[in-house]
Amino acid sequence: MENKLPVLNFTNGSQKRSKTIKRKLKEEFCNVRKQFDRLNQKYKRKYVYQEQQKLEDQLNACSQSEFCILIGKTGIANERKPRVPWAIIDDTGNVKTDKNSVLNKWKDEFQALFTNNSENNNNLNETDFDSNINVDSLNGVITRDEILLAVTQAKNRKAAGIDDIPAEVLKNEVAIELLYQIISGCFELGRVPSQWTSGVINPILKQGSSDNRCPLNYRGGSLTKEAPLESAYFTLEFIEITMY
């Protein structure tokens, strides 16, 4: 004997009640969805207006580089990016979150990377170096054509350094002449102003790093000055006093 599925027999009255219930549920769903859409649009417009107001306030209150950073942080996608935590692990293994401890730890770790290690320098063997290479061309006078070539080859629409000067500003005769006087004077003196040694370090976490609270687990990409125009007059005065 074959197994058959049970057959449900609905009367005309039960079918009508079922259709009525479905219609009412659908109407309720549509009404709730409309209310949700209206509220969603309302708070979305409110959020966009608030973010716009923040950017306008920051535009008048901060520098160009800080404003560009704020523009880059705008959007949902940026919230998914990993950020550098405001915490470090000290030498005793304790987690520190206060500002001074974090900043000093980052400073000491990166400063140690560029500290001259005398022990390693003593182990260098002069026979490992080729002393017959002619380097006279490196000590030649810097020409204006070299400055012009360097400025021309600088890429446009790139991030400015700590001085907020993009490459586009340098591509004119006045800026090139000023750069030529500054750079050639510093080359002859063998000295540069301390302002040129400043830069903005943008830490990038190394792939496969297990702890993002360790400063040495980051690559320290640095943006230096695009050009010494910000301290141009100080530099020219510095060169003149040093030479005479």
Protein backbone atom coordinates (compact mmCIF):
# COMPACT_ATOMS: atom_id res chain seq x y z
CA MET A 1 0.00 0.00 0.00
CA GLU A 2 1.58 3.31 -1.08
CA ASN A 3 2.10 6.14 1.45
CA LYS A 4 0.23 9.26 0.44
CA LEU A 5 0.55 12.75 1.79
CA PRO A 6 -2.45 14.01 3.72
CA VAL A 7 -4.72 16.28 1.78
CA LEU A 8 -5.88 19.44 3.54
CA ASN A 9 -9.35 20.43 2.61
CA PHE A 10 -10.09 24.11 3.22
CA THR A 11 -13.55 25.44 3.13
CA ASN A 12 -14.32 28.70 1.40
CA GLY A 13 -14.60 30.50 4.74
CA SER A 14 -11.17 29.42 5.99
CA GLN A 15 -9.52 30.43 2.68
CA LYS A 16 -11.03 33.90 2.91
CA ARG A 17 -9.84 34.33 6.50
CA SER A 18 -6.35 33.21 5.50
CA LYS A 19 -6.17 35.76 2.68
CA THR A 20 -7.44 38.50 4.99
CA ILE A 21 -4.73 37.75 7.57
CA LYS A 22 -2.01 37.72 4.92
CA ARG A 23 -3.21 41.04 3.56
CA LYS A 24 -3.22 42.64 6.98
CA LEU A 25 0.27 41.32 7.79
CA LYS A 26 1.59 42.61 4.49
CA GLU A 27 0.08 46.04 5.12
CA GLU A 28 1.64 46.15 8.61
CA PHE A 29 5.02 45.14 7.20
CA CYS A 30 4.87 47.82 4.50
CA ASN A 31 3.95 50.49 7.05
CA VAL A 32 6.79 49.52 9.39
CA ARG A 33 9.25 49.44 6.48
CA LYS A 34 8.19 52.93 5.40
CA GLN A 35 8.70 54.23 8.94
CA PHE A 36 12.14 52.61 9.08
CA ASP A 37 13.15 54.12 5.72
CA ARG A 38 12.02 57.58 6.81
CA LEU A 39 13.95 57.36 10.09
CA ASN A 40 17.00 55.97 8.28
CA GLN A 41 17.04 58.86 5.82
CA LYS A 42 16.46 61.37 8.61
CA TYR A 43 19.40 60.24 10.74
CA LYS A 44 21.58 59.75 7.67
CA ARG A 45 21.07 63.38 6.68
CA LYS A 46 21.73 64.42 10.29
CA TYR A 47 24.98 62.44 10.38
CA VAL A 48 26.19 63.84 7.05
CA TYR A 49 25.44 67.39 8.20
CA GLN A 50 27.36 66.84 11.46
CA GLU A 51 30.39 65.44 9.62
CA GLN A 52 30.28 68.32 7.16
CA GLN A 53 30.17 70.81 10.02
CA LYS A 54 33.15 69.14 11.69
CA LEU A 55 35.21 69.34 8.49
CA GLU A 56 34.33 73.01 8.02
CA ASP A 57 35.40 73.78 11.60
CA GLN A 58 38.65 71.84 11.17
CA LEU A 59 39.38 73.58 7.87
CA ASN A 60 39.58 76.91 9.66
CA ALA A 61 41.29 75.59 12.78
CA CYS A 62 44.10 73.30 11.58
CA SER A 63 46.80 73.05 8.93
CA GLN A 64 46.41 71.64 5.43
CA SER A 65 48.05 68.32 6.29
CA GLU A 66 45.82 67.75 9.33
CA PHE A 67 42.75 68.62 7.27
CA CYS A 68 43.77 66.12 4.56
CA ILE A 69 44.14 63.47 7.27
CA LEU A 70 40.62 64.21 8.49
CA ILE A 71 39.29 63.91 4.93
CA GLY A 72 41.02 60.55 4.59
CA LYS A 73 39.38 59.30 7.78
CA THR A 74 35.90 60.13 6.53
CA GLY A 75 33.79 57.10 5.59
CA ILE A 76 32.78 53.69 6.88
CA ALA A 77 35.60 51.84 5.12
CA ASN A 78 38.21 53.67 7.21
CA GLU A 79 36.64 52.31 10.41
CA ARG A 80 37.55 48.79 9.31
CA LYS A 81 41.24 49.63 8.93
CA PRO A 82 43.54 48.57 11.77
CA ARG A 83 44.83 51.49 13.82
CA VAL A 84 47.84 51.91 16.08
CA PRO A 85 46.63 51.27 19.64
CA TRP A 86 47.30 53.87 22.31
CA ALA A 87 49.17 51.31 24.43
CA ILE A 88 52.65 49.82 24.81
CA ILE A 89 54.32 47.06 26.79
CA ASP A 90 57.13 48.29 29.01
CA ASP A 91 60.34 46.45 29.92
CA THR A 92 58.65 44.73 32.87
CA GLY A 93 55.85 43.33 30.69
CA ASN A 94 53.17 45.69 31.96
CA VAL A 95 50.75 47.44 29.61
CA LYS A 96 50.95 51.24 29.71
CA THR A 97 48.31 53.52 28.22
CA ASP A 98 49.26 56.96 29.56
CA LYS A 99 50.36 59.49 26.98
CA ASN A 100 53.90 60.13 28.20
CA SER A 101 54.78 56.44 28.47
CA VAL A 102 53.47 55.65 24.98
CA LEU A 103 55.20 58.60 23.30
CA ASN A 104 58.51 58.04 25.08
CA LYS A 105 58.48 54.32 24.21
CA TRP A 106 57.92 55.07 20.52
CA LYS A 107 60.61 57.75 20.58
CA ASP A 108 63.21 55.55 22.26
CA GLU A 109 62.55 52.53 20.04
CA PHE A 110 62.79 54.42 16.75
CA GLN A 111 65.69 56.54 17.94
CA ALA A 112 67.65 53.39 18.76
CA LEU A 113 67.28 52.19 15.17
CA PHE A 114 69.38 55.11 13.90
CA THR A 115 71.91 55.21 16.74
CA ASN A 116 75.49 54.66 15.60
CA ASN A 117 76.69 51.27 16.87
CA SER A 118 80.43 51.60 17.46
CA GLU A 119 80.88 47.86 18.07
CA ASN A 120 79.61 46.96 14.63
CA ASN A 121 81.69 49.71 13.02
CA ASN A 122 84.88 48.35 14.62
CA ASN A 123 84.26 44.99 12.97
CA LEU A 124 84.27 46.49 9.47
CA ASN A 125 87.18 45.43 7.29
CA GLU A 126 88.57 47.97 4.84
CA THR A 127 89.35 45.18 2.38
CA ASP A 128 85.61 44.64 1.95
CA PHE A 129 85.31 48.03 0.25
CA ASP A 130 86.49 49.09 -3.18
CA SER A 131 88.54 52.24 -2.60
CA ASN A 132 89.42 52.65 -6.29
CA ILE A 133 86.03 54.07 -7.23
CA ASN A 134 86.25 57.62 -8.53
CA VAL A 135 83.81 59.78 -6.54
CA ASP A 136 85.00 63.16 -7.77
CA SER A 137 81.71 63.70 -9.63
CA LEU A 138 79.82 63.49 -6.34
CA ASN A 139 81.75 66.47 -5.02
CA GLY A 140 81.04 68.61 -8.06
CA VAL A 141 79.17 71.89 -7.83
CA ILE A 142 75.38 71.58 -7.85
CA THR A 143 74.03 73.20 -11.01
CA ARG A 144 70.76 74.94 -11.59
CA ASP A 145 69.86 72.37 -14.24
CA GLU A 146 70.00 69.62 -11.62
CA ILE A 147 67.54 71.54 -9.44
CA LEU A 148 65.30 72.14 -12.43
CA LEU A 149 65.35 68.45 -13.36
CA ALA A 150 64.54 67.35 -9.81
CA VAL A 151 61.62 69.78 -9.53
CA THR A 152 60.27 68.83 -12.95
CA GLN A 153 60.33 65.12 -12.14
CA ALA A 154 58.54 65.60 -8.81
CA LYS A 155 55.08 64.03 -8.97
CA ASN A 156 51.99 66.16 -8.57
CA ARG A 157 49.06 65.50 -6.25
CA LYS A 158 51.19 63.72 -3.66
CA ALA A 159 51.12 64.10 0.11
CA ALA A 160 53.05 67.10 1.39
CA GLY A 161 55.60 66.81 4.16
CA ILE A 162 55.66 68.52 7.53
CA ASP A 163 55.95 71.92 5.83
CA ASP A 164 52.60 71.51 3.96
CA ILE A 165 54.26 72.44 0.63
CA PRO A 166 53.16 70.27 -2.34
CA ALA A 167 55.35 69.75 -5.39
CA GLU A 168 53.11 71.94 -7.55
CA VAL A 169 54.22 75.05 -5.62
CA LEU A 170 57.85 74.53 -6.62
CA LYS A 171 57.29 74.40 -10.36
CA ASN A 172 58.02 78.03 -11.16
CA GLU A 173 61.14 80.09 -11.86
CA VAL A 174 61.15 81.96 -8.55
CA ALA A 175 60.98 78.79 -6.45
CA ILE A 176 63.62 77.04 -8.55
CA GLU A 177 66.05 79.96 -8.21
CA LEU A 178 65.49 80.09 -4.46
CA LEU A 179 66.02 76.32 -4.15
CA TYR A 180 69.22 76.59 -6.17
CA GLN A 181 70.68 79.23 -3.83
CA ILE A 182 69.69 77.33 -0.68
CA ILE A 183 70.84 73.85 -1.73
CA SER A 184 74.09 74.95 -3.35
CA GLY A 185 74.96 77.05 -0.30
CA CYS A 186 74.30 74.17 2.09
CA PHE A 187 76.35 71.81 -0.09
CA GLU A 188 79.33 74.14 -0.04
CA LEU A 189 79.11 74.53 3.74
CA GLY A 190 78.46 70.86 4.40
CA ARG A 191 75.71 71.82 6.83
CA VAL A 192 71.92 72.00 6.80
CA PRO A 193 69.45 73.72 9.15
CA SER A 194 67.86 71.57 11.83
CA GLN A 195 64.38 72.18 10.35
CA TRP A 196 65.25 69.90 7.43
CA THR A 197 65.74 66.94 9.75
CA SER A 198 62.10 66.97 10.90
CA GLY A 199 59.57 64.57 9.45
CA VAL A 200 56.24 62.85 10.04
CA ILE A 201 56.48 59.10 10.70
CA ASN A 202 53.54 57.05 9.50
CA PRO A 203 53.86 53.61 11.17
CA ILE A 204 52.73 50.60 9.11
CA LEU A 205 52.29 47.27 10.88
CA LYS A 206 54.56 44.55 9.52
CA GLN A 207 52.86 41.52 8.04
CA GLY A 208 52.70 38.60 10.46
CA SER A 209 53.33 40.72 13.57
CA SER A 210 51.79 39.17 16.65
CA ASP A 211 51.56 42.27 18.87
CA ASN A 212 50.56 45.69 17.54
CA ARG A 213 51.59 47.35 20.80
CA CYS A 214 55.31 46.94 20.05
CA PRO A 215 56.72 49.93 18.12
CA LEU A 216 59.40 47.81 16.40
CA ASN A 217 56.65 45.72 14.79
CA TYR A 218 55.93 48.74 12.58
CA ARG A 219 57.72 50.12 9.54
CA GLY A 220 58.42 53.80 10.07
CA GLY A 221 57.57 55.42 6.75
CA SER A 222 58.48 59.11 6.96
CA LEU A 223 57.32 62.20 5.07
CA THR A 224 60.04 64.84 5.10
CA LYS A 225 59.86 68.37 3.82
CA GLU A 226 58.97 68.67 0.14
CA ALA A 227 61.32 71.63 -0.05
CA PRO A 228 62.98 74.08 2.34
CA LEU A 229 60.83 77.02 1.22
CA GLU A 230 59.11 77.38 4.58
CA SER A 231 62.42 78.35 6.22
CA ALA A 232 63.93 79.86 3.07
CA TYR A 233 64.82 83.27 4.47
CA PHE A 234 66.22 81.75 7.66
CA THR A 235 68.33 79.38 5.56
CA LEU A 236 69.75 82.16 3.38
CA GLU A 237 70.60 84.16 6.49
CA PHE A 238 72.18 81.03 8.01
CA ILE A 239 74.35 80.56 4.91
CA GLU A 240 75.39 84.20 4.77
CA ILE A 241 76.40 84.32 8.46
CA THR A 242 78.32 81.05 8.18
CA MET A 243 80.25 82.08 5.06
CA TYR A 244 81.14 85.54 6.24
